[in-house]
Amino acid sequence: MMLTLRQTKVEETTLDTPEAIADHVHAEFARRQGAAPFQNGDRVRIANRAGIPPEFIVGDVGTVMLCDPEFSPLTTLMGVNSSGMTT
């Protein structure tokens, strides 16, 4: 019989200066950005328009503005809406 265990290690760090906090936030941003399937500025084709009304974006293309798949399955896109405005 074989058993596989997955363990999570908790690490505690004290951030006691504004610079330490800024460094931590910057490093976490860089880690998330590196792990994202899309990067800011990527041109993408929308494969499924379910839930995307034309008032938000028309067509099937957009540019990635924000992608944080660690906490959300959503990606924020820039495109053109049904009024012809860039949104």
C-alpha atoms as a PDB file:
ATOM      1  CA  MET A   1       0.000   0.000   0.000  1.00  0.00           C
ATOM      2  CA  MET A   2       1.237   3.500  -0.859  1.00  0.00           C
ATOM      3  CA  LEU A   3       0.018   6.741   0.674  1.00  0.00           C
ATOM      4  CA  THR A   4       0.846  10.218  -0.618  1.00  0.00           C
ATOM      5  CA  LEU A   5       0.597  13.152   1.777  1.00  0.00           C
ATOM      6  CA  ARG A   6       0.525  16.790   0.829  1.00  0.00           C
ATOM      7  CA  GLN A   7       1.739  19.156   3.510  1.00  0.00           C
ATOM      8  CA  THR A   8       1.539  22.909   3.654  1.00  0.00           C
ATOM      9  CA  LYS A   9       4.214  24.762   5.567  1.00  0.00           C
ATOM     10  CA  VAL A  10       3.287  28.032   7.212  1.00  0.00           C
ATOM     11  CA  GLU A  11       6.011  30.624   7.325  1.00  0.00           C
ATOM     12  CA  GLU A  12       5.737  33.726   9.470  1.00  0.00           C
ATOM     13  CA  THR A  13       7.589  36.908   8.598  1.00  0.00           C
ATOM     14  CA  THR A  14       7.476  40.273  10.350  1.00  0.00           C
ATOM     15  CA  LEU A  15       7.521  43.287   8.074  1.00  0.00           C
ATOM     16  CA  ASP A  16       8.566  46.174  10.253  1.00  0.00           C
ATOM     17  CA  THR A  17       9.476  48.952   7.833  1.00  0.00           C
ATOM     18  CA  PRO A  18       7.727  50.581   4.886  1.00  0.00           C
ATOM     19  CA  GLU A  19      10.543  49.329   2.644  1.00  0.00           C
ATOM     20  CA  ALA A  20      10.077  45.728   3.837  1.00  0.00           C
ATOM     21  CA  ILE A  21       6.346  45.928   3.155  1.00  0.00           C
ATOM     22  CA  ALA A  22       6.926  47.426  -0.296  1.00  0.00           C
ATOM     23  CA  ASP A  23       9.513  44.742  -1.125  1.00  0.00           C
ATOM     24  CA  HIS A  24       7.119  41.993  -0.020  1.00  0.00           C
ATOM     25  CA  VAL A  25       4.212  43.356  -2.076  1.00  0.00           C
ATOM     26  CA  HIS A  26       6.433  43.830  -5.131  1.00  0.00           C
ATOM     27  CA  ALA A  27       7.811  40.284  -4.871  1.00  0.00           C
ATOM     28  CA  GLU A  28       4.308  38.818  -4.502  1.00  0.00           C
ATOM     29  CA  PHE A  29       3.117  40.790  -7.543  1.00  0.00           C
ATOM     30  CA  ALA A  30       6.072  39.531  -9.593  1.00  0.00           C
ATOM     31  CA  ARG A  31       5.392  35.927  -8.484  1.00  0.00           C
ATOM     32  CA  ARG A  32       1.714  36.117  -9.457  1.00  0.00           C
ATOM     33  CA  GLN A  33       2.459  37.846 -12.753  1.00  0.00           C
ATOM     34  CA  GLY A  34       5.006  35.167 -13.630  1.00  0.00           C
ATOM     35  CA  ALA A  35       2.507  32.380 -12.879  1.00  0.00           C
ATOM     36  CA  ALA A  36      -0.399  33.912 -14.820  1.00  0.00           C
ATOM     37  CA  PRO A  37      -1.417  32.240 -18.081  1.00  0.00           C
ATOM     38  CA  PHE A  38      -1.765  35.691 -19.679  1.00  0.00           C
ATOM     39  CA  GLN A  39       0.348  38.798 -19.261  1.00  0.00           C
ATOM     40  CA  ASN A  40      -0.804  42.414 -19.287  1.00  0.00           C
ATOM     41  CA  GLY A  41      -0.910  43.616 -22.875  1.00  0.00           C
ATOM     42  CA  ASP A  42      -1.388  40.145 -24.432  1.00  0.00           C
ATOM     43  CA  ARG A  43      -3.814  40.084 -27.340  1.00  0.00           C
ATOM     44  CA  VAL A  44      -6.388  37.352 -26.787  1.00  0.00           C
ATOM     45  CA  ARG A  45      -9.332  35.799 -28.593  1.00  0.00           C
ATOM     46  CA  ILE A  46     -12.476  35.269 -26.523  1.00  0.00           C
ATOM     47  CA  ALA A  47     -13.449  31.609 -26.840  1.00  0.00           C
ATOM     48  CA  ASN A  48     -16.739  31.817 -24.926  1.00  0.00           C
ATOM     49  CA  ARG A  49     -18.861  34.978 -24.734  1.00  0.00           C
ATOM     50  CA  ALA A  50     -21.287  33.567 -22.153  1.00  0.00           C
ATOM     51  CA  GLY A  51     -21.953  36.318 -19.621  1.00  0.00           C
ATOM     52  CA  ILE A  52     -20.263  39.069 -21.661  1.00  0.00           C
ATOM     53  CA  PRO A  53     -22.928  41.560 -22.789  1.00  0.00           C
ATOM     54  CA  PRO A  54     -22.239  43.743 -25.858  1.00  0.00           C
ATOM     55  CA  GLU A  55     -22.469  46.813 -23.607  1.00  0.00           C
ATOM     56  CA  PHE A  56     -19.168  45.620 -22.150  1.00  0.00           C
ATOM     57  CA  ILE A  57     -17.287  44.287 -25.168  1.00  0.00           C
ATOM     58  CA  VAL A  58     -18.204  43.254 -28.725  1.00  0.00           C
ATOM     59  CA  GLY A  59     -16.400  40.893 -31.060  1.00  0.00           C
ATOM     60  CA  ASP A  60     -14.133  38.103 -29.938  1.00  0.00           C
ATOM     61  CA  VAL A  61     -10.835  39.886 -29.318  1.00  0.00           C
ATOM     62  CA  GLY A  62      -9.386  41.942 -26.499  1.00  0.00           C
ATOM     63  CA  THR A  63      -6.231  42.983 -24.709  1.00  0.00           C
ATOM     64  CA  VAL A  64      -5.459  41.676 -21.217  1.00  0.00           C
ATOM     65  CA  MET A  65      -5.475  44.412 -18.596  1.00  0.00           C
ATOM     66  CA  LEU A  66      -5.322  42.246 -15.471  1.00  0.00           C
ATOM     67  CA  CYS A  67      -4.964  38.517 -14.830  1.00  0.00           C
ATOM     68  CA  ASP A  68      -4.791  37.063 -11.314  1.00  0.00           C
ATOM     69  CA  PRO A  69      -5.765  33.395 -11.671  1.00  0.00           C
ATOM     70  CA  GLU A  70      -4.636  32.519  -8.161  1.00  0.00           C
ATOM     71  CA  PHE A  71      -7.730  34.059  -6.590  1.00  0.00           C
ATOM     72  CA  SER A  72     -10.095  34.485  -9.533  1.00  0.00           C
ATOM     73  CA  PRO A  73     -10.780  32.608 -12.756  1.00  0.00           C
ATOM     74  CA  LEU A  74     -11.526  35.945 -14.428  1.00  0.00           C
ATOM     75  CA  THR A  75      -9.301  38.075 -16.619  1.00  0.00           C
ATOM     76  CA  THR A  76     -10.005  41.776 -17.197  1.00  0.00           C
ATOM     77  CA  LEU A  77      -9.940  42.671 -20.873  1.00  0.00           C
ATOM     78  CA  MET A  78      -9.894  45.917 -22.801  1.00  0.00           C
ATOM     79  CA  GLY A  79     -12.032  45.976 -25.921  1.00  0.00           C
ATOM     80  CA  VAL A  80     -14.663  47.979 -27.769  1.00  0.00           C
ATOM     81  CA  ASN A  81     -18.261  48.113 -26.513  1.00  0.00           C
ATOM     82  CA  SER A  82     -21.462  48.325 -28.549  1.00  0.00           C
ATOM     83  CA  SER A  83     -21.334  52.155 -28.392  1.00  0.00           C
ATOM     84  CA  GLY A  84     -17.913  52.157 -30.058  1.00  0.00           C
ATOM     85  CA  MET A  85     -16.054  53.210 -26.920  1.00  0.00           C
ATOM     86  CA  THR A  86     -12.860  51.522 -25.725  1.00  0.00           C
ATOM     87  CA  THR A  87     -13.599  49.948 -22.358  1.00  0.00           C
END
